[in-house]
Amino acid sequence: MKQKPIKASNEPSAYGKKLSHWLRRIDVSATDTDHHLAEAAIREIGQAAIPILLEALRRGGRDAQRAARAFRVLGPEAASAVAEIQSNPGPVPTFAGSALAGIGRQAFEALASFVTHPDPMVRSAGAEGLSDLALKKQIAPDEARGVLPQLAQNTQHIHPQVRARSASALGAFATEPDLCVPALTLLLDDDDDLVRFSASQALGRFGKAASAALPKLIAGARSPSGPERVACVTAIGQLGLSEGYEAVLAALDDEDILVRAASVNGLGFFPEHSAEVVPVLVGALEGESRTLRWNALWALGRLGPLAKGALPAIRKWTDRPNEVGGEAILRRAIEQIEL
């Protein structure tokens, strides 16, 4: 049935303001205070907002973006909208995918159907939404087994955005390595920067199960692209294979601070090299870069009792925890090391 235009008389309200007012306040350009007030109002309106949000998704543009954010606020309460969004993703499918992911696990089948859609933008939106569900642990890897073959097939799609988003989804589920790792490894030779970046990130999530990709990841760590070097160095660390240690260590001298941060963080995955790694991490912890200090603290915590020699350097930050990422991160690192 065709959606009727919104009329002021039947537009739902909360706290004395119409829904359209609150949708403007939930915009990405709004302040945090506006966001909080808008989210509370949209929750108060509840399911009465759904018809208007569906119409906004169909209009596209900024209206669709705001509607997707509102669906994420409503979450499972908006489950009745899933079938309509599935049948009509609108002119900007990425917002439809975001809305479905925000609704939650009730939208899994709809998102899974998107990855076979003839429109590549719908396929991309489906993969992105599935990644969201997986990372929020709303769908267990075992529940996703049925969609993994199609995602793996989509890594060879002609459209680079489909390849990139499909790679990210495979990494988000991080299961069935015999199927997924070869598909992702092929993407490390892709012509598109975003595809290579996404594949590198995804492979890191498989840990040692992605060992076959290590040679290509090491090559990618020398890429002219800074983001690709970050992703590859991060992934090599997550694999935690001794054969990748020298590549992560060498990245400490990279001109890009984000690559150096990935190196510092990655060194925490090599406990067998702790005698060499801990002094390097202490040096980063005592350096001028807050980014490197934060990553050094994470890495030292990951090494656990092997990093006991770093405790004096770590405790120096107890009166300035925000300089190393916050009190919770500092306390967590100390607890991990003192196990």
C-alpha atoms as a PDB file:
ATOM      1  CA  MET A   1       0.000   0.000   0.000  1.00  0.00           C
ATOM      2  CA  LYS A   2       1.300   3.421  -0.935  1.00  0.00           C
ATOM      3  CA  GLN A   3       2.405   5.481   2.052  1.00  0.00           C
ATOM      4  CA  LYS A   4       0.265   8.563   2.665  1.00  0.00           C
ATOM      5  CA  PRO A   5       2.001  11.923   3.086  1.00  0.00           C
ATOM      6  CA  ILE A   6       2.714  12.883   6.674  1.00  0.00           C
ATOM      7  CA  LYS A   7       0.204  15.318   8.102  1.00  0.00           C
ATOM      8  CA  ALA A   8       0.805  17.479  11.126  1.00  0.00           C
ATOM      9  CA  SER A   9      -2.403  16.186  12.660  1.00  0.00           C
ATOM     10  CA  ASN A  10      -1.344  12.521  12.646  1.00  0.00           C
ATOM     11  CA  GLU A  11       2.404  12.862  13.143  1.00  0.00           C
ATOM     12  CA  PRO A  12       3.310  11.384  16.548  1.00  0.00           C
ATOM     13  CA  SER A  13       4.881  13.566  19.211  1.00  0.00           C
ATOM     14  CA  ALA A  14       6.959  13.294  22.360  1.00  0.00           C
ATOM     15  CA  TYR A  15       7.848  15.921  24.943  1.00  0.00           C
ATOM     16  CA  GLY A  16       5.747  18.472  23.123  1.00  0.00           C
ATOM     17  CA  LYS A  17       7.567  18.131  19.750  1.00  0.00           C
ATOM     18  CA  LYS A  18       6.675  16.308  16.535  1.00  0.00           C
ATOM     19  CA  LEU A  19       8.695  13.312  15.350  1.00  0.00           C
ATOM     20  CA  SER A  20      10.066  15.371  12.449  1.00  0.00           C
ATOM     21  CA  HIS A  21      11.620  17.732  14.990  1.00  0.00           C
ATOM     22  CA  TRP A  22      13.368  14.861  16.757  1.00  0.00           C
ATOM     23  CA  LEU A  23      14.569  13.351  13.488  1.00  0.00           C
ATOM     24  CA  ARG A  24      16.355  16.595  12.699  1.00  0.00           C
ATOM     25  CA  ARG A  25      17.949  16.460  16.139  1.00  0.00           C
ATOM     26  CA  ILE A  26      19.254  12.936  15.593  1.00  0.00           C
ATOM     27  CA  ASP A  27      21.215  14.055  12.551  1.00  0.00           C
ATOM     28  CA  VAL A  28      24.928  13.211  12.465  1.00  0.00           C
ATOM     29  CA  SER A  29      25.735  16.941  12.548  1.00  0.00           C
ATOM     30  CA  ALA A  30      23.760  17.522  15.758  1.00  0.00           C
ATOM     31  CA  THR A  31      25.318  17.883  19.208  1.00  0.00           C
ATOM     32  CA  ASP A  32      25.576  15.031  21.702  1.00  0.00           C
ATOM     33  CA  THR A  33      22.882  16.678  23.829  1.00  0.00           C
ATOM     34  CA  ASP A  34      20.543  16.820  20.848  1.00  0.00           C
ATOM     35  CA  HIS A  35      21.265  13.159  20.098  1.00  0.00           C
ATOM     36  CA  HIS A  36      20.411  12.056  23.627  1.00  0.00           C
ATOM     37  CA  LEU A  37      17.186  14.064  23.736  1.00  0.00           C
ATOM     38  CA  ALA A  38      16.160  12.830  20.278  1.00  0.00           C
ATOM     39  CA  GLU A  39      16.849   9.198  21.139  1.00  0.00           C
ATOM     40  CA  ALA A  40      14.739   9.479  24.300  1.00  0.00           C
ATOM     41  CA  ALA A  41      11.896  11.055  22.318  1.00  0.00           C
ATOM     42  CA  ILE A  42      12.002   8.424  19.577  1.00  0.00           C
ATOM     43  CA  ARG A  43      11.893   5.653  22.173  1.00  0.00           C
ATOM     44  CA  GLU A  44       8.917   7.390  23.755  1.00  0.00           C
ATOM     45  CA  ILE A  45       7.112   7.514  20.383  1.00  0.00           C
ATOM     46  CA  GLY A  46       7.986   3.875  19.745  1.00  0.00           C
ATOM     47  CA  GLN A  47       6.218   1.889  17.031  1.00  0.00           C
ATOM     48  CA  ALA A  48       4.067   4.860  16.066  1.00  0.00           C
ATOM     49  CA  ALA A  49       7.157   6.252  14.329  1.00  0.00           C
ATOM     50  CA  ILE A  50       7.541   3.296  11.956  1.00  0.00           C
ATOM     51  CA  PRO A  51       5.303   4.442   9.055  1.00  0.00           C
ATOM     52  CA  ILE A  52       7.040   7.812   8.910  1.00  0.00           C
ATOM     53  CA  LEU A  53      10.488   6.228   9.118  1.00  0.00           C
ATOM     54  CA  LEU A  54       9.660   3.849   6.261  1.00  0.00           C
ATOM     55  CA  GLU A  55       8.544   6.754   4.116  1.00  0.00           C
ATOM     56  CA  ALA A  56      11.775   8.591   4.917  1.00  0.00           C
ATOM     57  CA  LEU A  57      13.841   5.575   3.832  1.00  0.00           C
ATOM     58  CA  ARG A  58      11.981   5.558   0.529  1.00  0.00           C
ATOM     59  CA  ARG A  59      12.715   9.247  -0.034  1.00  0.00           C
ATOM     60  CA  GLY A  60      16.463   8.735   0.312  1.00  0.00           C
ATOM     61  CA  GLY A  61      18.976  11.450   1.062  1.00  0.00           C
ATOM     62  CA  ARG A  62      19.300  12.956   4.512  1.00  0.00           C
ATOM     63  CA  ASP A  63      15.789  11.859   5.449  1.00  0.00           C
ATOM     64  CA  ALA A  64      16.798   8.230   4.910  1.00  0.00           C
ATOM     65  CA  GLN A  65      19.982   8.699   6.917  1.00  0.00           C
ATOM     66  CA  ARG A  66      17.995  10.084   9.845  1.00  0.00           C
ATOM     67  CA  ALA A  67      15.428   7.306   9.565  1.00  0.00           C
ATOM     68  CA  ALA A  68      18.163   4.662   9.703  1.00  0.00           C
ATOM     69  CA  ARG A  69      19.511   6.213  12.896  1.00  0.00           C
ATOM     70  CA  ALA A  70      15.996   6.234  14.355  1.00  0.00           C
ATOM     71  CA  PHE A  71      15.488   2.545  13.525  1.00  0.00           C
ATOM     72  CA  ARG A  72      18.736   1.825  15.356  1.00  0.00           C
ATOM     73  CA  VAL A  73      17.328   3.646  18.384  1.00  0.00           C
ATOM     74  CA  LEU A  74      14.112   1.609  18.289  1.00  0.00           C
ATOM     75  CA  GLY A  75      15.963  -1.672  17.807  1.00  0.00           C
ATOM     76  CA  PRO A  76      13.836  -4.851  18.094  1.00  0.00           C
ATOM     77  CA  GLU A  77      10.738  -2.748  18.777  1.00  0.00           C
ATOM     78  CA  ALA A  78      10.758  -1.940  15.045  1.00  0.00           C
ATOM     79  CA  ALA A  79      10.796  -5.604  13.944  1.00  0.00           C
ATOM     80  CA  SER A  80       7.454  -5.149  12.175  1.00  0.00           C
ATOM     81  CA  ALA A  81       9.245  -2.931   9.620  1.00  0.00           C
ATOM     82  CA  VAL A  82      11.666  -5.635   8.455  1.00  0.00           C
ATOM     83  CA  ALA A  83       9.528  -7.077   5.650  1.00  0.00           C
ATOM     84  CA  GLU A  84       8.784  -3.643   4.187  1.00  0.00           C
ATOM     85  CA  ILE A  85      12.455  -2.597   4.239  1.00  0.00           C
ATOM     86  CA  GLN A  86      13.434  -5.921   2.683  1.00  0.00           C
ATOM     87  CA  SER A  87      10.979  -5.490  -0.181  1.00  0.00           C
ATOM     88  CA  ASN A  88      11.856  -1.831  -0.794  1.00  0.00           C
ATOM     89  CA  PRO A  89      15.410  -0.840   0.245  1.00  0.00           C
ATOM     90  CA  GLY A  90      14.903   2.647  -1.180  1.00  0.00           C
ATOM     91  CA  PRO A  91      17.205   4.752  -3.366  1.00  0.00           C
ATOM     92  CA  VAL A  92      20.126   4.528  -0.884  1.00  0.00           C
ATOM     93  CA  PRO A  93      20.302   0.863   0.195  1.00  0.00           C
ATOM     94  CA  THR A  94      23.109   1.459   2.677  1.00  0.00           C
ATOM     95  CA  PHE A  95      20.598   3.227   4.939  1.00  0.00           C
ATOM     96  CA  ALA A  96      18.178   0.309   4.596  1.00  0.00           C
ATOM     97  CA  GLY A  97      20.954  -2.081   5.608  1.00  0.00           C
ATOM     98  CA  SER A  98      21.860   0.126   8.556  1.00  0.00           C
ATOM     99  CA  ALA A  99      18.220   0.247   9.649  1.00  0.00           C
ATOM    100  CA  LEU A 100      17.889  -3.543   9.480  1.00  0.00           C
ATOM    101  CA  ALA A 101      21.119  -4.071  11.405  1.00  0.00           C
ATOM    102  CA  GLY A 102      19.850  -1.644  14.026  1.00  0.00           C
ATOM    103  CA  ILE A 103      16.645  -3.628  14.426  1.00  0.00           C
ATOM    104  CA  GLY A 104      18.807  -6.621  15.261  1.00  0.00           C
ATOM    105  CA  ARG A 105      18.768 -10.377  14.830  1.00  0.00           C
ATOM    106  CA  GLN A 106      15.142 -10.340  13.664  1.00  0.00           C
ATOM    107  CA  ALA A 107      16.480  -8.753  10.460  1.00  0.00           C
ATOM    108  CA  PHE A 108      19.134 -11.396   9.774  1.00  0.00           C
ATOM    109  CA  GLU A 109      17.193 -13.203   7.049  1.00  0.00           C
ATOM    110  CA  ALA A 110      16.374  -9.923   5.321  1.00  0.00           C
ATOM    111  CA  LEU A 111      20.031  -8.886   5.303  1.00  0.00           C
ATOM    112  CA  ALA A 112      21.043 -12.344   4.089  1.00  0.00           C
ATOM    113  CA  SER A 113      18.616 -11.963   1.174  1.00  0.00           C
ATOM    114  CA  PHE A 114      20.259  -8.657   0.250  1.00  0.00           C
ATOM    115  CA  VAL A 115      23.602 -10.327  -0.571  1.00  0.00           C
ATOM    116  CA  THR A 116      22.010 -12.102  -3.558  1.00  0.00           C
ATOM    117  CA  HIS A 117      20.194  -9.004  -4.824  1.00  0.00           C
ATOM    118  CA  PRO A 118      20.900  -7.974  -8.455  1.00  0.00           C
ATOM    119  CA  ASP A 119      21.644  -4.383  -7.387  1.00  0.00           C
ATOM    120  CA  PRO A 120      25.282  -4.252  -6.206  1.00  0.00           C
ATOM    121  CA  MET A 121      24.481  -1.446  -3.755  1.00  0.00           C
ATOM    122  CA  VAL A 122      21.891  -3.661  -2.074  1.00  0.00           C
ATOM    123  CA  ARG A 123      24.430  -6.503  -1.910  1.00  0.00           C
ATOM    124  CA  SER A 124      26.921  -4.142  -0.338  1.00  0.00           C
ATOM    125  CA  ALA A 125      24.343  -2.906   2.174  1.00  0.00           C
ATOM    126  CA  GLY A 126      23.478  -6.490   3.102  1.00  0.00           C
ATOM    127  CA  ALA A 127      27.096  -7.406   3.737  1.00  0.00           C
ATOM    128  CA  GLU A 128      27.632  -4.266   5.794  1.00  0.00           C
ATOM    129  CA  GLY A 129      24.537  -4.975   7.861  1.00  0.00           C
ATOM    130  CA  LEU A 130      25.604  -8.570   8.470  1.00  0.00           C
ATOM    131  CA  SER A 131      29.004  -7.323   9.644  1.00  0.00           C
ATOM    132  CA  ASP A 132      27.232  -5.050  12.094  1.00  0.00           C
ATOM    133  CA  LEU A 133      25.159  -7.908  13.520  1.00  0.00           C
ATOM    134  CA  ALA A 134      28.229 -10.128  13.823  1.00  0.00           C
ATOM    135  CA  LEU A 135      30.381  -7.513  15.535  1.00  0.00           C
ATOM    136  CA  LYS A 136      27.589  -6.774  18.007  1.00  0.00           C
ATOM    137  CA  LYS A 137      27.387 -10.553  18.616  1.00  0.00           C
ATOM    138  CA  GLN A 138      23.695 -10.582  17.754  1.00  0.00           C
ATOM    139  CA  ILE A 139      24.299 -13.437  15.322  1.00  0.00           C
ATOM    140  CA  ALA A 140      26.611 -16.288  16.266  1.00  0.00           C
ATOM    141  CA  PRO A 141      29.083 -17.545  13.651  1.00  0.00           C
ATOM    142  CA  ASP A 142      27.320 -20.925  13.541  1.00  0.00           C
ATOM    143  CA  GLU A 143      24.051 -19.204  12.643  1.00  0.00           C
ATOM    144  CA  ALA A 144      25.729 -17.518   9.687  1.00  0.00           C
ATOM    145  CA  ARG A 145      27.027 -20.658   7.984  1.00  0.00           C
ATOM    146  CA  GLY A 146      24.307 -20.550   5.359  1.00  0.00           C
ATOM    147  CA  VAL A 147      25.228 -17.064   4.132  1.00  0.00           C
ATOM    148  CA  LEU A 148      29.026 -17.476   4.143  1.00  0.00           C
ATOM    149  CA  PRO A 149      29.291 -19.193   0.712  1.00  0.00           C
ATOM    150  CA  GLN A 150      27.451 -16.287  -0.926  1.00  0.00           C
ATOM    151  CA  LEU A 151      29.628 -13.735   0.865  1.00  0.00           C
ATOM    152  CA  ALA A 152      32.721 -15.620  -0.283  1.00  0.00           C
ATOM    153  CA  GLN A 153      31.378 -15.629  -3.831  1.00  0.00           C
ATOM    154  CA  ASN A 154      30.689 -11.902  -3.591  1.00  0.00           C
ATOM    155  CA  THR A 155      34.371 -11.249  -2.878  1.00  0.00           C
ATOM    156  CA  GLN A 156      34.826 -11.751  -6.633  1.00  0.00           C
ATOM    157  CA  HIS A 157      31.970  -9.428  -7.622  1.00  0.00           C
ATOM    158  CA  ILE A 158      32.704  -6.882 -10.353  1.00  0.00           C
ATOM    159  CA  HIS A 159      31.822  -3.974  -8.033  1.00  0.00           C
ATOM    160  CA  PRO A 160      34.664  -3.111  -5.592  1.00  0.00           C
ATOM    161  CA  GLN A 161      32.328  -1.982  -2.830  1.00  0.00           C
ATOM    162  CA  VAL A 162      30.627  -5.374  -2.856  1.00  0.00           C
ATOM    163  CA  ARG A 163      34.023  -7.077  -2.651  1.00  0.00           C
ATOM    164  CA  ALA A 164      35.155  -4.862   0.217  1.00  0.00           C
ATOM    165  CA  ARG A 165      31.970  -5.166   2.278  1.00  0.00           C
ATOM    166  CA  SER A 166      31.794  -8.917   1.707  1.00  0.00           C
ATOM    167  CA  ALA A 167      35.367  -9.275   2.911  1.00  0.00           C
ATOM    168  CA  SER A 168      34.542  -7.311   6.046  1.00  0.00           C
ATOM    169  CA  ALA A 169      31.526  -9.519   6.717  1.00  0.00           C
ATOM    170  CA  LEU A 170      33.607 -12.689   6.422  1.00  0.00           C
ATOM    171  CA  GLY A 171      36.055 -11.234   8.912  1.00  0.00           C
ATOM    172  CA  ALA A 172      33.289 -10.172  11.280  1.00  0.00           C
ATOM    173  CA  PHE A 173      32.007 -13.764  11.509  1.00  0.00           C
ATOM    174  CA  ALA A 174      35.565 -15.194  11.475  1.00  0.00           C
ATOM    175  CA  THR A 175      34.459 -18.793  11.022  1.00  0.00           C
ATOM    176  CA  GLU A 176      34.855 -21.486   8.342  1.00  0.00           C
ATOM    177  CA  PRO A 177      38.492 -20.544   7.551  1.00  0.00           C
ATOM    178  CA  ASP A 178      38.774 -23.227   4.861  1.00  0.00           C
ATOM    179  CA  LEU A 179      36.158 -21.327   2.871  1.00  0.00           C
ATOM    180  CA  CYS A 180      36.894 -17.759   3.866  1.00  0.00           C
ATOM    181  CA  VAL A 181      40.686 -17.447   4.119  1.00  0.00           C
ATOM    182  CA  PRO A 182      41.404 -18.423   0.490  1.00  0.00           C
ATOM    183  CA  ALA A 183      38.743 -15.991  -0.737  1.00  0.00           C
ATOM    184  CA  LEU A 184      40.171 -13.189   1.383  1.00  0.00           C
ATOM    185  CA  THR A 185      43.762 -13.969   0.439  1.00  0.00           C
ATOM    186  CA  LEU A 186      42.921 -13.563  -3.244  1.00  0.00           C
ATOM    187  CA  LEU A 187      41.729 -10.039  -2.476  1.00  0.00           C
ATOM    188  CA  LEU A 188      45.183  -9.004  -1.260  1.00  0.00           C
ATOM    189  CA  ASP A 189      46.080  -8.696  -4.960  1.00  0.00           C
ATOM    190  CA  ASP A 190      42.987  -6.639  -5.790  1.00  0.00           C
ATOM    191  CA  ASP A 191      43.398  -3.405  -7.748  1.00  0.00           C
ATOM    192  CA  ASP A 192      41.219  -1.473  -5.296  1.00  0.00           C
ATOM    193  CA  ASP A 193      42.791   0.007  -2.146  1.00  0.00           C
ATOM    194  CA  LEU A 194      39.651  -0.371  -0.028  1.00  0.00           C
ATOM    195  CA  VAL A 195      39.269  -4.013  -1.025  1.00  0.00           C
ATOM    196  CA  ARG A 196      42.853  -4.837  -0.028  1.00  0.00           C
ATOM    197  CA  PHE A 197      42.430  -2.920   3.231  1.00  0.00           C
ATOM    198  CA  SER A 198      39.185  -4.735   4.068  1.00  0.00           C
ATOM    199  CA  ALA A 199      40.644  -8.147   3.241  1.00  0.00           C
ATOM    200  CA  SER A 200      43.707  -7.530   5.410  1.00  0.00           C
ATOM    201  CA  GLN A 201      41.544  -6.495   8.344  1.00  0.00           C
ATOM    202  CA  ALA A 202      39.328  -9.524   7.881  1.00  0.00           C
ATOM    203  CA  LEU A 203      42.228 -11.973   7.732  1.00  0.00           C
ATOM    204  CA  GLY A 204      43.571 -10.671  11.032  1.00  0.00           C
ATOM    205  CA  ARG A 205      40.346 -11.675  12.738  1.00  0.00           C
ATOM    206  CA  PHE A 206      40.991 -15.321  11.813  1.00  0.00           C
ATOM    207  CA  GLY A 207      44.245 -15.389  13.778  1.00  0.00           C
ATOM    208  CA  LYS A 208      46.523 -18.331  13.142  1.00  0.00           C
ATOM    209  CA  ALA A 209      43.873 -19.939  10.928  1.00  0.00           C
ATOM    210  CA  ALA A 210      44.896 -17.358   8.288  1.00  0.00           C
ATOM    211  CA  SER A 211      48.546 -18.422   8.268  1.00  0.00           C
ATOM    212  CA  ALA A 212      48.497 -19.108   4.518  1.00  0.00           C
ATOM    213  CA  ALA A 213      47.983 -15.372   3.933  1.00  0.00           C
ATOM    214  CA  LEU A 214      51.078 -14.325   5.885  1.00  0.00           C
ATOM    215  CA  PRO A 215      53.477 -13.871   2.913  1.00  0.00           C
ATOM    216  CA  LYS A 216      51.044 -11.551   1.146  1.00  0.00           C
ATOM    217  CA  LEU A 217      50.339  -9.639   4.342  1.00  0.00           C
ATOM    218  CA  ILE A 218      54.069  -9.107   4.841  1.00  0.00           C
ATOM    219  CA  ALA A 219      54.278  -7.769   1.295  1.00  0.00           C
ATOM    220  CA  GLY A 220      51.294  -5.504   1.999  1.00  0.00           C
ATOM    221  CA  ALA A 221      53.065  -4.104   5.048  1.00  0.00           C
ATOM    222  CA  ARG A 222      55.435  -2.409   2.551  1.00  0.00           C
ATOM    223  CA  SER A 223      52.614  -0.959   0.426  1.00  0.00           C
ATOM    224  CA  PRO A 224      52.760   2.722  -0.631  1.00  0.00           C
ATOM    225  CA  SER A 225      49.282   3.059   0.925  1.00  0.00           C
ATOM    226  CA  GLY A 226      49.377   4.039   4.601  1.00  0.00           C
ATOM    227  CA  PRO A 227      45.957   2.544   5.457  1.00  0.00           C
ATOM    228  CA  GLU A 228      46.940  -0.725   3.771  1.00  0.00           C
ATOM    229  CA  ARG A 229      50.170  -0.855   5.774  1.00  0.00           C
ATOM    230  CA  VAL A 230      48.166  -0.280   8.967  1.00  0.00           C
ATOM    231  CA  ALA A 231      45.755  -3.097   8.124  1.00  0.00           C
ATOM    232  CA  CYS A 232      48.509  -5.531   7.138  1.00  0.00           C
ATOM    233  CA  VAL A 233      50.718  -4.843  10.164  1.00  0.00           C
ATOM    234  CA  THR A 234      47.676  -5.190  12.419  1.00  0.00           C
ATOM    235  CA  ALA A 235      46.710  -8.476  10.774  1.00  0.00           C
ATOM    236  CA  ILE A 236      50.235  -9.897  10.979  1.00  0.00           C
ATOM    237  CA  GLY A 237      50.200  -9.175  14.690  1.00  0.00           C
ATOM    238  CA  GLN A 238      46.817 -10.827  15.142  1.00  0.00           C
ATOM    239  CA  LEU A 239      48.056 -13.938  13.343  1.00  0.00           C
ATOM    240  CA  GLY A 240      50.744 -14.142  16.020  1.00  0.00           C
ATOM    241  CA  LEU A 241      53.106 -16.272  13.931  1.00  0.00           C
ATOM    242  CA  SER A 242      56.828 -16.003  14.636  1.00  0.00           C
ATOM    243  CA  GLU A 243      57.464 -15.692  10.897  1.00  0.00           C
ATOM    244  CA  GLY A 244      55.652 -12.334  10.976  1.00  0.00           C
ATOM    245  CA  TYR A 245      57.515 -10.851  13.942  1.00  0.00           C
ATOM    246  CA  GLU A 246      60.243  -9.073  11.987  1.00  0.00           C
ATOM    247  CA  ALA A 247      57.682  -7.378   9.724  1.00  0.00           C
ATOM    248  CA  VAL A 248      55.783  -5.998  12.721  1.00  0.00           C
ATOM    249  CA  LEU A 249      59.013  -4.890  14.392  1.00  0.00           C
ATOM    250  CA  ALA A 250      60.233  -3.157  11.234  1.00  0.00           C
ATOM    251  CA  ALA A 251      57.020  -1.120  11.084  1.00  0.00           C
ATOM    252  CA  LEU A 252      58.170   0.759  14.198  1.00  0.00           C
ATOM    253  CA  ASP A 253      60.264   2.905  11.839  1.00  0.00           C
ATOM    254  CA  ASP A 254      57.376   3.740   9.499  1.00  0.00           C
ATOM    255  CA  GLU A 255      56.834   7.432   8.704  1.00  0.00           C
ATOM    256  CA  ASP A 256      53.101   7.078   9.417  1.00  0.00           C
ATOM    257  CA  ILE A 257      52.271   7.200  13.134  1.00  0.00           C
ATOM    258  CA  LEU A 258      49.231   4.972  12.616  1.00  0.00           C
ATOM    259  CA  VAL A 259      51.469   2.274  11.160  1.00  0.00           C
ATOM    260  CA  ARG A 260      53.818   2.692  14.119  1.00  0.00           C
ATOM    261  CA  ALA A 261      50.825   2.377  16.452  1.00  0.00           C
ATOM    262  CA  ALA A 262      49.771  -0.837  14.695  1.00  0.00           C
ATOM    263  CA  SER A 263      53.317  -2.111  15.153  1.00  0.00           C
ATOM    264  CA  VAL A 264      53.360  -1.286  18.868  1.00  0.00           C
ATOM    265  CA  ASN A 265      50.002  -2.961  19.385  1.00  0.00           C
ATOM    266  CA  GLY A 266      50.971  -5.948  17.263  1.00  0.00           C
ATOM    267  CA  LEU A 267      54.122  -6.673  19.264  1.00  0.00           C
ATOM    268  CA  GLY A 268      51.876  -7.787  22.104  1.00  0.00           C
ATOM    269  CA  PHE A 269      50.949 -10.886  20.092  1.00  0.00           C
ATOM    270  CA  PHE A 270      54.477 -12.323  20.231  1.00  0.00           C
ATOM    271  CA  PRO A 271      55.070 -13.646  23.771  1.00  0.00           C
ATOM    272  CA  GLU A 272      57.997 -15.752  22.576  1.00  0.00           C
ATOM    273  CA  HIS A 273      59.845 -12.485  21.856  1.00  0.00           C
ATOM    274  CA  SER A 274      58.873 -10.787  25.125  1.00  0.00           C
ATOM    275  CA  ALA A 275      62.491 -10.236  26.245  1.00  0.00           C
ATOM    276  CA  GLU A 276      62.983  -7.938  23.249  1.00  0.00           C
ATOM    277  CA  VAL A 277      59.446  -6.632  22.995  1.00  0.00           C
ATOM    278  CA  VAL A 278      58.863  -5.401  26.563  1.00  0.00           C
ATOM    279  CA  PRO A 279      61.686  -2.802  26.528  1.00  0.00           C
ATOM    280  CA  VAL A 280      60.453  -1.559  23.150  1.00  0.00           C
ATOM    281  CA  LEU A 281      56.929  -1.183  24.513  1.00  0.00           C
ATOM    282  CA  VAL A 282      58.157   0.572  27.653  1.00  0.00           C
ATOM    283  CA  GLY A 283      59.961   3.021  25.385  1.00  0.00           C
ATOM    284  CA  ALA A 284      56.713   3.704  23.538  1.00  0.00           C
ATOM    285  CA  LEU A 285      54.862   4.033  26.849  1.00  0.00           C
ATOM    286  CA  GLU A 286      57.340   6.686  27.975  1.00  0.00           C
ATOM    287  CA  GLY A 287      57.307   8.546  24.648  1.00  0.00           C
ATOM    288  CA  GLU A 288      55.547  11.739  23.620  1.00  0.00           C
ATOM    289  CA  SER A 289      52.802  10.187  21.488  1.00  0.00           C
ATOM    290  CA  ARG A 290      49.550   9.454  23.314  1.00  0.00           C
ATOM    291  CA  THR A 291      48.551   7.141  20.453  1.00  0.00           C
ATOM    292  CA  LEU A 292      51.679   5.038  20.897  1.00  0.00           C
ATOM    293  CA  ARG A 293      51.347   5.050  24.693  1.00  0.00           C
ATOM    294  CA  TRP A 294      47.767   3.759  24.495  1.00  0.00           C
ATOM    295  CA  ASN A 295      48.747   0.967  22.103  1.00  0.00           C
ATOM    296  CA  ALA A 296      51.794   0.068  24.190  1.00  0.00           C
ATOM    297  CA  LEU A 297      49.588  -0.344  27.247  1.00  0.00           C
ATOM    298  CA  TRP A 298      47.246  -2.675  25.375  1.00  0.00           C
ATOM    299  CA  ALA A 299      50.190  -4.712  24.105  1.00  0.00           C
ATOM    300  CA  LEU A 300      51.818  -5.001  27.526  1.00  0.00           C
ATOM    301  CA  GLY A 301      48.551  -6.139  29.060  1.00  0.00           C
ATOM    302  CA  ARG A 302      48.202  -8.768  26.343  1.00  0.00           C
ATOM    303  CA  LEU A 303      51.642 -10.158  27.234  1.00  0.00           C
ATOM    304  CA  GLY A 304      50.428 -10.709  30.797  1.00  0.00           C
ATOM    305  CA  PRO A 305      52.978 -11.800  33.433  1.00  0.00           C
ATOM    306  CA  LEU A 306      55.724 -11.736  30.787  1.00  0.00           C
ATOM    307  CA  ALA A 307      55.538  -7.928  31.026  1.00  0.00           C
ATOM    308  CA  LYS A 308      56.101  -7.680  34.795  1.00  0.00           C
ATOM    309  CA  GLY A 309      59.257  -5.685  34.179  1.00  0.00           C
ATOM    310  CA  ALA A 310      57.078  -2.913  32.724  1.00  0.00           C
ATOM    311  CA  LEU A 311      54.947  -2.424  35.857  1.00  0.00           C
ATOM    312  CA  PRO A 312      57.006   0.478  37.284  1.00  0.00           C
ATOM    313  CA  ALA A 313      56.707   2.354  33.983  1.00  0.00           C
ATOM    314  CA  ILE A 314      52.965   1.617  33.828  1.00  0.00           C
ATOM    315  CA  ARG A 315      52.287   2.735  37.403  1.00  0.00           C
ATOM    316  CA  LYS A 316      53.841   6.126  36.674  1.00  0.00           C
ATOM    317  CA  TRP A 317      50.631   6.918  34.802  1.00  0.00           C
ATOM    318  CA  THR A 318      48.210   6.169  37.651  1.00  0.00           C
ATOM    319  CA  ASP A 319      47.830   9.878  38.419  1.00  0.00           C
ATOM    320  CA  ARG A 320      47.393  10.721  34.701  1.00  0.00           C
ATOM    321  CA  PRO A 321      45.385   7.800  33.291  1.00  0.00           C
ATOM    322  CA  ASN A 322      43.858   9.834  30.470  1.00  0.00           C
ATOM    323  CA  GLU A 323      47.307  10.185  28.948  1.00  0.00           C
ATOM    324  CA  VAL A 324      47.349   6.428  28.288  1.00  0.00           C
ATOM    325  CA  GLY A 325      43.753   5.865  27.228  1.00  0.00           C
ATOM    326  CA  GLY A 326      41.889   6.060  30.528  1.00  0.00           C
ATOM    327  CA  GLU A 327      41.748   4.562  33.991  1.00  0.00           C
ATOM    328  CA  ALA A 328      39.916   1.403  32.894  1.00  0.00           C
ATOM    329  CA  ILE A 329      42.571   0.519  30.309  1.00  0.00           C
ATOM    330  CA  LEU A 330      45.368   1.246  32.775  1.00  0.00           C
ATOM    331  CA  ARG A 331      43.794  -0.880  35.503  1.00  0.00           C
ATOM    332  CA  ARG A 332      43.074  -3.698  33.070  1.00  0.00           C
ATOM    333  CA  ALA A 333      46.699  -3.818  31.904  1.00  0.00           C
ATOM    334  CA  ILE A 334      48.002  -3.960  35.466  1.00  0.00           C
ATOM    335  CA  GLU A 335      45.537  -6.735  36.372  1.00  0.00           C
ATOM    336  CA  GLN A 336      46.522  -8.781  33.311  1.00  0.00           C
ATOM    337  CA  ILE A 337      50.217  -8.483  34.120  1.00  0.00           C
ATOM    338  CA  GLU A 338      49.757  -9.307  37.812  1.00  0.00           C
ATOM    339  CA  LEU A 339      47.829 -12.537  37.136  1.00  0.00           C
END
